[in-house]
Amino acid sequence: MRNLIKIAPEGYSIILVVSLLCLFSYCASIFFNYSWISLLSLYLFYFLLITFYFFRDPIRKIISNDDFFLSPADGRIVDIKPVDDSELGKSTKISIFLSFFNVHRQWAPLNATVIQTSYNPGKFFGAFKNKASEKNEQTSILFCDEHKNHFKIKQIAGFVARRIVNHMNPNLDVSKGEKIGFIKFGSRVDIIVPENFKVKVKKGMKVKGCKTVIGIYL
């Protein structure tokens, strides 16, 4: 069966507001014979279609191999580099840029337990810029998998995306492919893994959440 497409609950409020504006402007265009109102109604209708498209929430069938670390997001790999992380020590950071046209859902890459979460307010540089990883508004989620391997997923706001939704709480158990959050509009997701992780992607590659293998623990 082909992937089913649903609408992300995180977008319901925005879709409702745009729908009401669209309906109001359409009714106004009927009662008032002004061309600009009709044009506004048309633009709002197009914007409503774009909003539905952006908040699509596909159901993904995950790869069955439990050892594969799957991509937590759709997008393109824009950076892979060594870092010294405060919790994980010497690590590798893999950055995924999500354009407006990507699905903005985030999924759990492995079966794991949430150790801690944190939120850091920040700036709103373009998510494709490397400085966004450190300076932009972001949430950080530290996980521990079934084999006691630790890793982090960071949801990072971009120039347009200014609303991060994180569904994770400490001590919560998640299954591979489970929804962990959503970032509204263009954004970035960073993966931070320790030295015993073998990366299987390269800079410039397009990745798909729950489908692309990012790597494997050794």
N, C-alpha and C. Protein backbone atom coordinates (compact mmCIF):
# COMPACT_ATOMS: atom_id res chain seq x y z
N MET A 1 0.85 -1.20 0.00
CA MET A 1 0.00 0.00 0.00
C MET A 1 0.88 1.24 0.00
N ARG A 2 0.51 2.22 -0.80
CA ARG A 2 1.29 3.45 -0.85
C ARG A 2 1.16 4.22 0.46
N ASN A 3 2.14 5.07 0.74
CA ASN A 3 2.10 5.87 1.97
C ASN A 3 0.84 6.73 2.02
N LEU A 4 0.17 6.70 3.16
CA LEU A 4 -1.01 7.53 3.36
C LEU A 4 -0.57 8.91 3.82
N ILE A 5 -1.32 9.92 3.43
CA ILE A 5 -1.00 11.28 3.82
C ILE A 5 -2.08 11.81 4.76
N LYS A 6 -1.66 12.28 5.92
CA LYS A 6 -2.57 12.92 6.85
C LYS A 6 -2.10 14.35 7.09
N ILE A 7 -2.88 15.08 7.86
CA ILE A 7 -2.50 16.44 8.24
C ILE A 7 -2.00 16.42 9.67
N ALA A 8 -0.85 17.05 9.91
CA ALA A 8 -0.25 17.07 11.25
C ALA A 8 -1.14 17.85 12.21
N PRO A 9 -1.44 17.28 13.38
CA PRO A 9 -2.24 18.01 14.38
C PRO A 9 -1.63 19.36 14.76
N GLU A 10 -0.30 19.46 14.66
CA GLU A 10 0.37 20.71 14.99
C GLU A 10 -0.07 21.86 14.08
N GLY A 11 -0.68 21.52 12.94
CA GLY A 11 -1.10 22.55 12.00
C GLY A 11 -2.58 22.88 12.04
N TYR A 12 -3.33 22.18 12.90
CA TYR A 12 -4.79 22.38 12.93
C TYR A 12 -5.18 23.83 13.19
N SER A 13 -4.55 24.46 14.17
CA SER A 13 -4.94 25.83 14.54
C SER A 13 -4.67 26.80 13.40
N ILE A 14 -3.52 26.65 12.74
CA ILE A 14 -3.19 27.54 11.62
C ILE A 14 -4.16 27.32 10.47
N ILE A 15 -4.45 26.05 10.16
CA ILE A 15 -5.38 25.74 9.07
C ILE A 15 -6.77 26.29 9.38
N LEU A 16 -7.19 26.21 10.64
CA LEU A 16 -8.50 26.73 11.02
C LEU A 16 -8.57 28.24 10.80
N VAL A 17 -7.54 28.96 11.23
CA VAL A 17 -7.52 30.41 11.07
C VAL A 17 -7.56 30.80 9.60
N VAL A 18 -6.72 30.15 8.79
CA VAL A 18 -6.67 30.46 7.35
C VAL A 18 -8.00 30.11 6.69
N SER A 19 -8.61 28.99 7.09
CA SER A 19 -9.90 28.58 6.53
C SER A 19 -10.98 29.61 6.84
N LEU A 20 -11.00 30.10 8.08
CA LEU A 20 -12.00 31.10 8.46
C LEU A 20 -11.80 32.41 7.70
N LEU A 21 -10.54 32.81 7.53
CA LEU A 21 -10.25 34.02 6.75
C LEU A 21 -10.68 33.84 5.30
N CYS A 22 -10.43 32.65 4.79
CA CYS A 22 -10.81 32.33 3.41
C CYS A 22 -12.33 32.39 3.25
N LEU A 23 -13.05 31.80 4.20
CA LEU A 23 -14.51 31.80 4.16
C LEU A 23 -15.07 33.21 4.29
N PHE A 24 -14.51 33.97 5.22
CA PHE A 24 -14.97 35.35 5.44
C PHE A 24 -14.77 36.20 4.19
N SER A 25 -13.59 36.09 3.59
CA SER A 25 -13.31 36.90 2.40
C SER A 25 -14.18 36.47 1.22
N TYR A 26 -14.48 35.17 1.13
CA TYR A 26 -15.35 34.69 0.05
C TYR A 26 -16.77 35.25 0.21
N CYS A 27 -17.29 35.20 1.45
CA CYS A 27 -18.63 35.75 1.71
C CYS A 27 -18.66 37.25 1.45
N ALA A 28 -17.57 37.93 1.83
CA ALA A 28 -17.50 39.38 1.59
C ALA A 28 -17.48 39.69 0.11
N SER A 29 -16.83 38.84 -0.68
CA SER A 29 -16.78 39.08 -2.13
C SER A 29 -18.14 38.92 -2.79
N ILE A 30 -19.03 38.13 -2.16
CA ILE A 30 -20.38 37.95 -2.68
C ILE A 30 -21.25 39.17 -2.38
N PHE A 31 -21.12 39.68 -1.15
CA PHE A 31 -21.97 40.79 -0.72
C PHE A 31 -21.46 42.15 -1.19
N PHE A 32 -20.14 42.26 -1.36
CA PHE A 32 -19.57 43.54 -1.77
C PHE A 32 -18.87 43.36 -3.12
N ASN A 33 -19.28 44.12 -4.07
CA ASN A 33 -18.78 43.96 -5.43
C ASN A 33 -17.49 44.76 -5.63
N TYR A 34 -16.45 44.33 -4.91
CA TYR A 34 -15.13 44.96 -5.04
C TYR A 34 -14.14 43.91 -5.56
N SER A 35 -13.43 44.27 -6.60
CA SER A 35 -12.50 43.31 -7.22
C SER A 35 -11.38 42.92 -6.26
N TRP A 36 -10.94 43.86 -5.41
CA TRP A 36 -9.82 43.55 -4.52
C TRP A 36 -10.21 42.52 -3.47
N ILE A 37 -11.50 42.50 -3.08
CA ILE A 37 -11.94 41.49 -2.13
C ILE A 37 -11.94 40.11 -2.78
N SER A 38 -12.38 40.05 -4.03
CA SER A 38 -12.37 38.78 -4.76
C SER A 38 -10.94 38.27 -4.94
N LEU A 39 -10.03 39.21 -5.23
CA LEU A 39 -8.62 38.84 -5.40
C LEU A 39 -8.04 38.35 -4.08
N LEU A 40 -8.38 39.03 -2.99
CA LEU A 40 -7.91 38.60 -1.67
C LEU A 40 -8.43 37.21 -1.34
N SER A 41 -9.69 36.96 -1.65
CA SER A 41 -10.28 35.64 -1.41
C SER A 41 -9.54 34.56 -2.17
N LEU A 42 -9.16 34.86 -3.41
CA LEU A 42 -8.43 33.90 -4.23
C LEU A 42 -7.05 33.62 -3.65
N TYR A 43 -6.35 34.68 -3.23
CA TYR A 43 -5.02 34.52 -2.64
C TYR A 43 -5.09 33.70 -1.35
N LEU A 44 -6.10 33.97 -0.55
CA LEU A 44 -6.25 33.22 0.70
C LEU A 44 -6.55 31.75 0.43
N PHE A 45 -7.29 31.47 -0.63
CA PHE A 45 -7.56 30.08 -0.99
C PHE A 45 -6.27 29.37 -1.39
N TYR A 46 -5.45 30.04 -2.19
CA TYR A 46 -4.16 29.46 -2.57
C TYR A 46 -3.28 29.23 -1.34
N PHE A 47 -3.30 30.21 -0.42
CA PHE A 47 -2.51 30.07 0.80
C PHE A 47 -3.00 28.90 1.64
N LEU A 48 -4.32 28.68 1.65
CA LEU A 48 -4.88 27.54 2.37
C LEU A 48 -4.37 26.22 1.79
N LEU A 49 -4.32 26.13 0.46
CA LEU A 49 -3.81 24.92 -0.18
C LEU A 49 -2.34 24.70 0.18
N ILE A 50 -1.55 25.79 0.20
CA ILE A 50 -0.14 25.70 0.57
C ILE A 50 0.00 25.24 2.01
N THR A 51 -0.87 25.74 2.89
CA THR A 51 -0.82 25.37 4.31
C THR A 51 -1.12 23.89 4.49
N PHE A 52 -2.13 23.38 3.77
CA PHE A 52 -2.42 21.95 3.81
C PHE A 52 -1.21 21.14 3.35
N TYR A 53 -0.56 21.61 2.28
CA TYR A 53 0.61 20.91 1.75
C TYR A 53 1.74 20.89 2.76
N PHE A 54 1.99 22.03 3.40
CA PHE A 54 3.09 22.11 4.34
C PHE A 54 2.89 21.20 5.54
N PHE A 55 1.67 21.10 6.05
CA PHE A 55 1.41 20.32 7.25
C PHE A 55 1.03 18.87 6.94
N ARG A 56 1.41 18.38 5.77
CA ARG A 56 1.18 16.96 5.47
C ARG A 56 1.98 16.11 6.44
N ASP A 57 1.43 14.98 6.80
CA ASP A 57 2.04 14.14 7.84
C ASP A 57 1.97 12.68 7.40
N PRO A 58 2.86 12.26 6.49
CA PRO A 58 2.77 10.92 5.92
C PRO A 58 3.04 9.82 6.93
N ILE A 59 2.38 8.69 6.72
CA ILE A 59 2.64 7.49 7.52
C ILE A 59 3.79 6.75 6.86
N ARG A 60 4.87 6.54 7.59
CA ARG A 60 6.06 5.90 7.04
C ARG A 60 6.22 4.48 7.57
N LYS A 61 6.48 3.55 6.66
CA LYS A 61 6.80 2.18 7.05
C LYS A 61 8.31 2.11 7.23
N ILE A 62 8.75 1.77 8.44
CA ILE A 62 10.18 1.82 8.75
C ILE A 62 10.90 0.55 8.32
N ILE A 63 12.22 0.66 8.18
CA ILE A 63 13.07 -0.50 7.91
C ILE A 63 13.10 -1.37 9.16
N SER A 64 12.94 -2.68 9.00
CA SER A 64 12.75 -3.58 10.15
C SER A 64 14.01 -3.83 10.97
N ASN A 65 15.20 -3.67 10.37
CA ASN A 65 16.45 -3.94 11.10
C ASN A 65 16.59 -2.98 12.28
N ASP A 66 16.59 -3.51 13.50
CA ASP A 66 16.60 -2.67 14.70
C ASP A 66 17.92 -1.92 14.90
N ASP A 67 19.00 -2.38 14.26
CA ASP A 67 20.30 -1.76 14.48
C ASP A 67 20.53 -0.52 13.61
N PHE A 68 19.76 -0.37 12.55
CA PHE A 68 19.94 0.78 11.67
C PHE A 68 19.43 2.06 12.33
N PHE A 69 20.26 3.08 12.32
CA PHE A 69 19.88 4.40 12.83
C PHE A 69 19.27 5.16 11.65
N LEU A 70 17.95 5.34 11.68
CA LEU A 70 17.25 5.94 10.56
C LEU A 70 17.21 7.46 10.66
N SER A 71 17.04 8.10 9.53
CA SER A 71 16.96 9.56 9.53
C SER A 71 15.73 10.01 10.31
N PRO A 72 15.89 10.98 11.21
CA PRO A 72 14.75 11.49 11.97
C PRO A 72 13.95 12.55 11.22
N ALA A 73 14.41 12.89 10.00
CA ALA A 73 13.74 13.97 9.26
C ALA A 73 13.99 13.84 7.77
N ASP A 74 13.12 14.47 6.99
CA ASP A 74 13.35 14.63 5.56
C ASP A 74 14.26 15.83 5.34
N GLY A 75 15.02 15.82 4.25
CA GLY A 75 15.83 16.98 3.94
C GLY A 75 17.12 16.63 3.22
N ARG A 76 18.12 17.47 3.40
CA ARG A 76 19.42 17.30 2.74
C ARG A 76 20.53 17.47 3.77
N ILE A 77 21.52 16.59 3.71
CA ILE A 77 22.68 16.68 4.61
C ILE A 77 23.52 17.89 4.21
N VAL A 78 23.64 18.85 5.13
CA VAL A 78 24.41 20.06 4.82
C VAL A 78 25.73 20.14 5.58
N ASP A 79 25.91 19.27 6.56
CA ASP A 79 27.16 19.33 7.33
C ASP A 79 27.37 18.03 8.09
N ILE A 80 28.60 17.54 8.08
CA ILE A 80 29.02 16.40 8.91
C ILE A 80 30.38 16.76 9.47
N LYS A 81 30.48 16.87 10.79
CA LYS A 81 31.77 17.28 11.35
C LYS A 81 31.92 16.79 12.78
N PRO A 82 33.17 16.64 13.25
CA PRO A 82 33.40 16.24 14.65
C PRO A 82 33.09 17.40 15.59
N VAL A 83 32.54 17.07 16.75
CA VAL A 83 32.25 18.09 17.76
C VAL A 83 32.60 17.53 19.14
N ASP A 84 32.75 18.40 20.09
CA ASP A 84 32.96 18.00 21.49
C ASP A 84 31.70 18.37 22.25
N ASP A 85 30.83 17.37 22.45
CA ASP A 85 29.53 17.62 23.06
C ASP A 85 29.60 17.54 24.58
N SER A 86 28.82 18.37 25.26
CA SER A 86 28.87 18.44 26.72
C SER A 86 28.43 17.14 27.39
N GLU A 87 27.51 16.39 26.78
CA GLU A 87 27.06 15.11 27.36
C GLU A 87 27.73 13.89 26.73
N LEU A 88 27.99 13.95 25.43
CA LEU A 88 28.50 12.77 24.72
C LEU A 88 30.00 12.77 24.53
N GLY A 89 30.67 13.87 24.83
CA GLY A 89 32.11 13.94 24.61
C GLY A 89 32.42 14.10 23.14
N LYS A 90 33.52 13.47 22.70
CA LYS A 90 33.91 13.55 21.29
C LYS A 90 32.86 12.83 20.45
N SER A 91 32.27 13.57 19.52
CA SER A 91 31.11 13.07 18.78
C SER A 91 31.16 13.54 17.34
N THR A 92 30.16 13.10 16.58
CA THR A 92 29.97 13.56 15.21
C THR A 92 28.60 14.23 15.10
N LYS A 93 28.58 15.39 14.47
CA LYS A 93 27.31 16.08 14.25
C LYS A 93 26.93 15.97 12.78
N ILE A 94 25.70 15.52 12.54
CA ILE A 94 25.16 15.39 11.19
C ILE A 94 23.97 16.33 11.09
N SER A 95 24.04 17.28 10.18
CA SER A 95 23.01 18.32 10.08
C SER A 95 22.15 18.11 8.84
N ILE A 96 20.83 18.16 9.04
CA ILE A 96 19.86 18.01 7.96
C ILE A 96 19.10 19.32 7.80
N PHE A 97 19.13 19.89 6.60
CA PHE A 97 18.36 21.10 6.32
C PHE A 97 17.03 20.71 5.71
N LEU A 98 15.95 21.26 6.28
CA LEU A 98 14.60 21.02 5.79
C LEU A 98 14.12 22.26 5.06
N SER A 99 13.90 22.15 3.76
CA SER A 99 13.37 23.28 3.01
C SER A 99 11.86 23.37 3.22
N PHE A 100 11.27 24.42 2.69
CA PHE A 100 9.82 24.60 2.81
C PHE A 100 9.07 23.41 2.22
N PHE A 101 9.66 22.75 1.22
CA PHE A 101 8.97 21.69 0.49
C PHE A 101 9.12 20.32 1.15
N ASN A 102 9.94 20.21 2.17
CA ASN A 102 10.10 18.94 2.89
C ASN A 102 9.00 18.76 3.93
N VAL A 103 8.72 17.49 4.26
CA VAL A 103 7.86 17.19 5.40
C VAL A 103 8.60 17.65 6.65
N HIS A 104 7.91 18.32 7.56
CA HIS A 104 8.59 18.90 8.74
C HIS A 104 8.34 18.12 10.03
N ARG A 105 7.92 16.89 9.89
CA ARG A 105 7.77 15.97 11.02
C ARG A 105 9.15 15.43 11.40
N GLN A 106 9.34 15.13 12.70
CA GLN A 106 10.54 14.41 13.16
C GLN A 106 10.11 13.09 13.79
N TRP A 107 10.93 12.06 13.53
CA TRP A 107 10.66 10.70 14.01
C TRP A 107 11.83 10.17 14.83
N ALA A 108 11.55 9.21 15.71
CA ALA A 108 12.61 8.56 16.48
C ALA A 108 13.42 7.66 15.56
N PRO A 109 14.75 7.78 15.56
CA PRO A 109 15.59 6.97 14.67
C PRO A 109 15.83 5.55 15.16
N LEU A 110 15.61 5.32 16.47
CA LEU A 110 15.83 4.01 17.09
C LEU A 110 14.82 3.82 18.22
N ASN A 111 14.68 2.57 18.68
CA ASN A 111 13.97 2.34 19.94
C ASN A 111 14.85 2.91 21.05
N ALA A 112 14.30 3.78 21.87
CA ALA A 112 15.14 4.45 22.86
C ALA A 112 14.30 5.03 23.99
N THR A 113 15.02 5.51 25.02
CA THR A 113 14.40 6.19 26.15
C THR A 113 14.91 7.62 26.20
N VAL A 114 14.02 8.56 26.46
CA VAL A 114 14.42 9.96 26.58
C VAL A 114 15.09 10.18 27.94
N ILE A 115 16.32 10.66 27.92
CA ILE A 115 17.06 10.94 29.15
C ILE A 115 16.77 12.35 29.65
N GLN A 116 16.84 13.31 28.75
CA GLN A 116 16.54 14.68 29.13
C GLN A 116 16.21 15.51 27.89
N THR A 117 15.51 16.61 28.11
CA THR A 117 15.23 17.56 27.03
C THR A 117 15.58 18.96 27.52
N SER A 118 15.92 19.82 26.60
CA SER A 118 16.23 21.20 26.97
C SER A 118 15.80 22.13 25.84
N TYR A 119 15.53 23.36 26.21
CA TYR A 119 15.13 24.38 25.23
C TYR A 119 16.04 25.59 25.38
N ASN A 120 16.55 26.07 24.25
CA ASN A 120 17.40 27.25 24.26
C ASN A 120 16.85 28.29 23.30
N PRO A 121 16.38 29.43 23.82
CA PRO A 121 15.93 30.50 22.92
C PRO A 121 17.14 31.06 22.19
N GLY A 122 16.93 31.56 21.01
CA GLY A 122 18.07 32.08 20.26
C GLY A 122 17.62 32.94 19.10
N LYS A 123 18.48 33.02 18.11
CA LYS A 123 18.22 33.86 16.94
C LYS A 123 17.54 33.03 15.85
N PHE A 124 17.37 33.64 14.68
CA PHE A 124 16.66 32.97 13.59
C PHE A 124 17.43 33.15 12.28
N PHE A 125 18.69 32.70 12.28
CA PHE A 125 19.46 32.70 11.05
C PHE A 125 18.89 31.65 10.10
N GLY A 126 19.19 31.79 8.81
CA GLY A 126 18.77 30.78 7.85
C GLY A 126 19.23 29.41 8.28
N ALA A 127 18.32 28.41 8.26
CA ALA A 127 18.63 27.08 8.79
C ALA A 127 19.71 26.37 7.98
N PHE A 128 19.97 26.82 6.74
CA PHE A 128 21.00 26.21 5.92
C PHE A 128 22.40 26.66 6.34
N LYS A 129 22.50 27.69 7.17
CA LYS A 129 23.80 28.19 7.62
C LYS A 129 24.27 27.38 8.83
N ASN A 130 25.57 27.06 8.85
CA ASN A 130 26.11 26.24 9.94
C ASN A 130 26.00 26.91 11.30
N LYS A 131 26.04 28.24 11.34
CA LYS A 131 25.95 28.93 12.63
C LYS A 131 24.56 28.78 13.26
N ALA A 132 23.58 28.33 12.47
CA ALA A 132 22.24 28.11 13.01
C ALA A 132 22.25 27.02 14.07
N SER A 133 23.17 26.05 13.94
CA SER A 133 23.26 24.94 14.90
C SER A 133 23.53 25.43 16.32
N GLU A 134 24.28 26.52 16.44
CA GLU A 134 24.66 27.01 17.76
C GLU A 134 23.85 28.21 18.22
N LYS A 135 23.45 29.06 17.27
CA LYS A 135 22.88 30.36 17.65
C LYS A 135 21.36 30.42 17.58
N ASN A 136 20.72 29.53 16.81
CA ASN A 136 19.27 29.64 16.63
C ASN A 136 18.48 29.02 17.78
N GLU A 137 17.22 29.42 17.88
CA GLU A 137 16.30 28.79 18.83
C GLU A 137 16.27 27.29 18.57
N GLN A 138 16.30 26.47 19.63
CA GLN A 138 16.36 25.03 19.43
C GLN A 138 15.94 24.25 20.67
N THR A 139 15.52 23.01 20.42
CA THR A 139 15.33 22.06 21.50
C THR A 139 16.34 20.94 21.31
N SER A 140 16.79 20.36 22.41
CA SER A 140 17.76 19.26 22.37
C SER A 140 17.18 18.09 23.16
N ILE A 141 17.18 16.91 22.54
CA ILE A 141 16.64 15.71 23.18
C ILE A 141 17.74 14.66 23.26
N LEU A 142 18.08 14.25 24.48
CA LEU A 142 19.10 13.23 24.69
C LEU A 142 18.42 11.88 24.88
N PHE A 143 18.81 10.89 24.06
CA PHE A 143 18.23 9.56 24.10
C PHE A 143 19.27 8.53 24.52
N CYS A 144 18.80 7.38 25.02
CA CYS A 144 19.63 6.20 25.25
C CYS A 144 18.91 5.02 24.65
N ASP A 145 19.58 4.29 23.73
CA ASP A 145 18.89 3.18 23.06
C ASP A 145 18.98 1.90 23.89
N GLU A 146 18.48 0.80 23.32
CA GLU A 146 18.40 -0.47 24.05
C GLU A 146 19.76 -1.05 24.37
N HIS A 147 20.80 -0.59 23.65
CA HIS A 147 22.17 -1.10 23.88
C HIS A 147 23.01 -0.09 24.66
N LYS A 148 22.36 0.84 25.31
CA LYS A 148 23.02 1.87 26.14
C LYS A 148 23.84 2.86 25.33
N ASN A 149 23.55 2.97 24.05
CA ASN A 149 24.18 4.00 23.22
C ASN A 149 23.39 5.30 23.35
N HIS A 150 24.10 6.40 23.54
CA HIS A 150 23.44 7.69 23.66
C HIS A 150 23.53 8.48 22.35
N PHE A 151 22.54 9.31 22.12
CA PHE A 151 22.56 10.20 20.96
C PHE A 151 21.62 11.37 21.22
N LYS A 152 21.82 12.44 20.45
CA LYS A 152 20.99 13.63 20.59
C LYS A 152 20.30 13.96 19.27
N ILE A 153 19.09 14.46 19.38
CA ILE A 153 18.39 15.04 18.25
C ILE A 153 18.08 16.49 18.61
N LYS A 154 18.51 17.41 17.75
CA LYS A 154 18.22 18.83 17.98
C LYS A 154 17.25 19.34 16.92
N GLN A 155 16.17 19.96 17.36
CA GLN A 155 15.23 20.64 16.46
C GLN A 155 15.60 22.11 16.48
N ILE A 156 15.92 22.65 15.31
CA ILE A 156 16.46 24.01 15.23
C ILE A 156 15.58 24.87 14.34
N ALA A 157 15.14 26.00 14.87
CA ALA A 157 14.32 26.93 14.10
C ALA A 157 15.17 27.61 13.03
N GLY A 158 14.51 28.05 11.96
CA GLY A 158 15.20 28.75 10.89
C GLY A 158 14.71 30.18 10.77
N PHE A 159 14.99 30.79 9.62
CA PHE A 159 14.59 32.17 9.38
C PHE A 159 13.07 32.29 9.34
N VAL A 160 12.41 31.29 8.74
CA VAL A 160 10.95 31.30 8.64
C VAL A 160 10.33 30.53 9.79
N ALA A 161 10.93 29.37 10.11
CA ALA A 161 10.38 28.53 11.19
C ALA A 161 10.65 29.16 12.54
N ARG A 162 9.61 29.50 13.26
CA ARG A 162 9.78 30.12 14.58
C ARG A 162 8.88 29.44 15.59
N ARG A 163 8.60 28.17 15.35
CA ARG A 163 7.74 27.44 16.28
C ARG A 163 8.15 25.98 16.27
N ILE A 164 8.82 25.55 17.34
CA ILE A 164 9.26 24.17 17.47
C ILE A 164 8.30 23.44 18.39
N VAL A 165 7.83 22.27 17.96
CA VAL A 165 6.95 21.45 18.79
C VAL A 165 7.72 20.19 19.18
N ASN A 166 7.97 20.01 20.47
CA ASN A 166 8.68 18.84 20.99
C ASN A 166 7.73 18.04 21.87
N HIS A 167 7.49 16.78 21.49
CA HIS A 167 6.56 15.93 22.24
C HIS A 167 7.26 15.06 23.29
N MET A 168 8.57 15.20 23.43
CA MET A 168 9.33 14.31 24.29
C MET A 168 9.45 14.84 25.72
N ASN A 169 9.45 13.90 26.67
CA ASN A 169 9.65 14.20 28.09
C ASN A 169 10.61 13.16 28.68
N PRO A 170 11.38 13.51 29.71
CA PRO A 170 12.30 12.55 30.32
C PRO A 170 11.60 11.27 30.75
N ASN A 171 12.32 10.13 30.59
CA ASN A 171 11.87 8.78 30.95
C ASN A 171 10.81 8.21 30.01
N LEU A 172 10.52 8.92 28.93
CA LEU A 172 9.56 8.41 27.95
C LEU A 172 10.23 7.42 27.02
N ASP A 173 9.64 6.24 26.84
CA ASP A 173 10.14 5.24 25.89
C ASP A 173 9.51 5.50 24.53
N VAL A 174 10.34 5.49 23.49
CA VAL A 174 9.85 5.70 22.13
C VAL A 174 10.29 4.54 21.24
N SER A 175 9.48 4.25 20.26
CA SER A 175 9.80 3.20 19.29
C SER A 175 10.34 3.83 18.02
N LYS A 176 11.17 3.07 17.31
CA LYS A 176 11.71 3.57 16.04
C LYS A 176 10.55 3.96 15.12
N GLY A 177 10.62 5.15 14.56
CA GLY A 177 9.58 5.63 13.67
C GLY A 177 8.46 6.38 14.36
N GLU A 178 8.50 6.44 15.70
CA GLU A 178 7.47 7.18 16.44
C GLU A 178 7.67 8.69 16.26
N LYS A 179 6.58 9.43 16.19
CA LYS A 179 6.66 10.88 16.02
C LYS A 179 7.19 11.53 17.30
N ILE A 180 8.21 12.36 17.15
CA ILE A 180 8.79 13.02 18.33
C ILE A 180 8.60 14.53 18.31
N GLY A 181 8.22 15.10 17.17
CA GLY A 181 8.03 16.54 17.13
C GLY A 181 7.76 17.06 15.74
N PHE A 182 7.69 18.38 15.64
CA PHE A 182 7.37 19.04 14.37
C PHE A 182 7.96 20.45 14.43
N ILE A 183 8.50 20.91 13.31
CA ILE A 183 8.99 22.29 13.22
C ILE A 183 8.20 22.99 12.12
N LYS A 184 7.59 24.10 12.45
CA LYS A 184 6.73 24.79 11.50
C LYS A 184 7.55 25.68 10.57
N PHE A 185 7.55 25.31 9.28
CA PHE A 185 8.23 25.99 8.18
C PHE A 185 9.74 25.69 8.21
N GLY A 186 10.52 26.32 7.28
CA GLY A 186 11.90 25.94 7.05
C GLY A 186 12.74 25.79 8.30
N SER A 187 13.56 24.74 8.39
CA SER A 187 14.24 24.46 9.65
C SER A 187 15.43 23.53 9.45
N ARG A 188 15.96 23.03 10.58
CA ARG A 188 17.16 22.19 10.57
C ARG A 188 17.07 21.18 11.71
N VAL A 189 17.56 19.99 11.46
CA VAL A 189 17.64 18.95 12.50
C VAL A 189 19.09 18.48 12.58
N ASP A 190 19.67 18.53 13.78
CA ASP A 190 21.03 18.04 14.00
C ASP A 190 20.98 16.71 14.74
N ILE A 191 21.81 15.79 14.31
CA ILE A 191 21.99 14.50 14.99
C ILE A 191 23.39 14.51 15.58
N ILE A 192 23.52 14.20 16.86
CA ILE A 192 24.84 14.12 17.48
C ILE A 192 25.02 12.71 18.03
N VAL A 193 26.05 12.03 17.53
CA VAL A 193 26.30 10.63 17.89
C VAL A 193 27.74 10.47 18.37
N PRO A 194 28.00 9.51 19.27
CA PRO A 194 29.35 9.33 19.82
C PRO A 194 30.32 8.69 18.82
N GLU A 195 31.56 8.51 19.27
CA GLU A 195 32.62 8.04 18.38
C GLU A 195 32.42 6.61 17.89
N ASN A 196 31.62 5.80 18.59
CA ASN A 196 31.43 4.41 18.17
C ASN A 196 30.31 4.27 17.14
N PHE A 197 30.01 5.36 16.45
CA PHE A 197 28.95 5.37 15.44
C PHE A 197 29.57 5.51 14.05
N LYS A 198 29.19 4.62 13.13
CA LYS A 198 29.69 4.69 11.76
C LYS A 198 28.67 5.41 10.88
N VAL A 199 29.06 6.56 10.35
CA VAL A 199 28.17 7.36 9.50
C VAL A 199 28.13 6.78 8.10
N LYS A 200 26.93 6.62 7.54
CA LYS A 200 26.77 6.04 6.21
C LYS A 200 26.18 7.02 5.20
N VAL A 201 26.12 8.30 5.56
CA VAL A 201 25.64 9.31 4.62
C VAL A 201 26.76 10.30 4.34
N LYS A 202 26.59 11.09 3.29
CA LYS A 202 27.59 12.08 2.92
C LYS A 202 26.94 13.45 2.75
N LYS A 203 27.74 14.47 2.87
CA LYS A 203 27.26 15.84 2.69
C LYS A 203 26.66 15.99 1.30
N GLY A 204 25.49 16.62 1.23
CA GLY A 204 24.82 16.83 -0.04
C GLY A 204 23.74 15.80 -0.34
N MET A 205 23.74 14.68 0.38
CA MET A 205 22.74 13.63 0.16
C MET A 205 21.36 14.08 0.62
N LYS A 206 20.34 13.65 -0.13
CA LYS A 206 18.96 13.84 0.32
C LYS A 206 18.58 12.65 1.18
N VAL A 207 17.90 12.91 2.29
CA VAL A 207 17.49 11.84 3.20
C VAL A 207 15.99 11.91 3.42
N LYS A 208 15.44 10.77 3.82
CA LYS A 208 14.00 10.67 4.06
C LYS A 208 13.77 10.06 5.42
N GLY A 209 12.94 10.71 6.23
CA GLY A 209 12.66 10.23 7.58
C GLY A 209 12.10 8.82 7.59
N CYS A 210 12.64 7.98 8.48
CA CYS A 210 12.23 6.57 8.65
C CYS A 210 12.66 5.68 7.50
N LYS A 211 13.34 6.23 6.50
CA LYS A 211 13.71 5.45 5.33
C LYS A 211 15.23 5.38 5.12
N THR A 212 15.90 6.52 5.19
CA THR A 212 17.33 6.58 4.93
C THR A 212 18.12 6.14 6.16
N VAL A 213 19.09 5.25 5.95
CA VAL A 213 19.97 4.81 7.04
C VAL A 213 21.07 5.85 7.23
N ILE A 214 21.09 6.49 8.39
CA ILE A 214 22.12 7.49 8.69
C ILE A 214 23.42 6.81 9.08
N GLY A 215 23.33 5.67 9.79
CA GLY A 215 24.53 4.95 10.21
C GLY A 215 24.18 3.81 11.14
N ILE A 216 25.21 3.31 11.83
CA ILE A 216 25.02 2.18 12.72
C ILE A 216 26.08 2.24 13.83
N TYR A 217 25.71 1.81 15.03
CA TYR A 217 26.67 1.74 16.14
C TYR A 217 27.56 0.53 15.95
N LEU A 218 28.85 0.68 16.23
CA LEU A 218 29.81 -0.41 16.07
C LEU A 218 29.89 -1.25 17.34
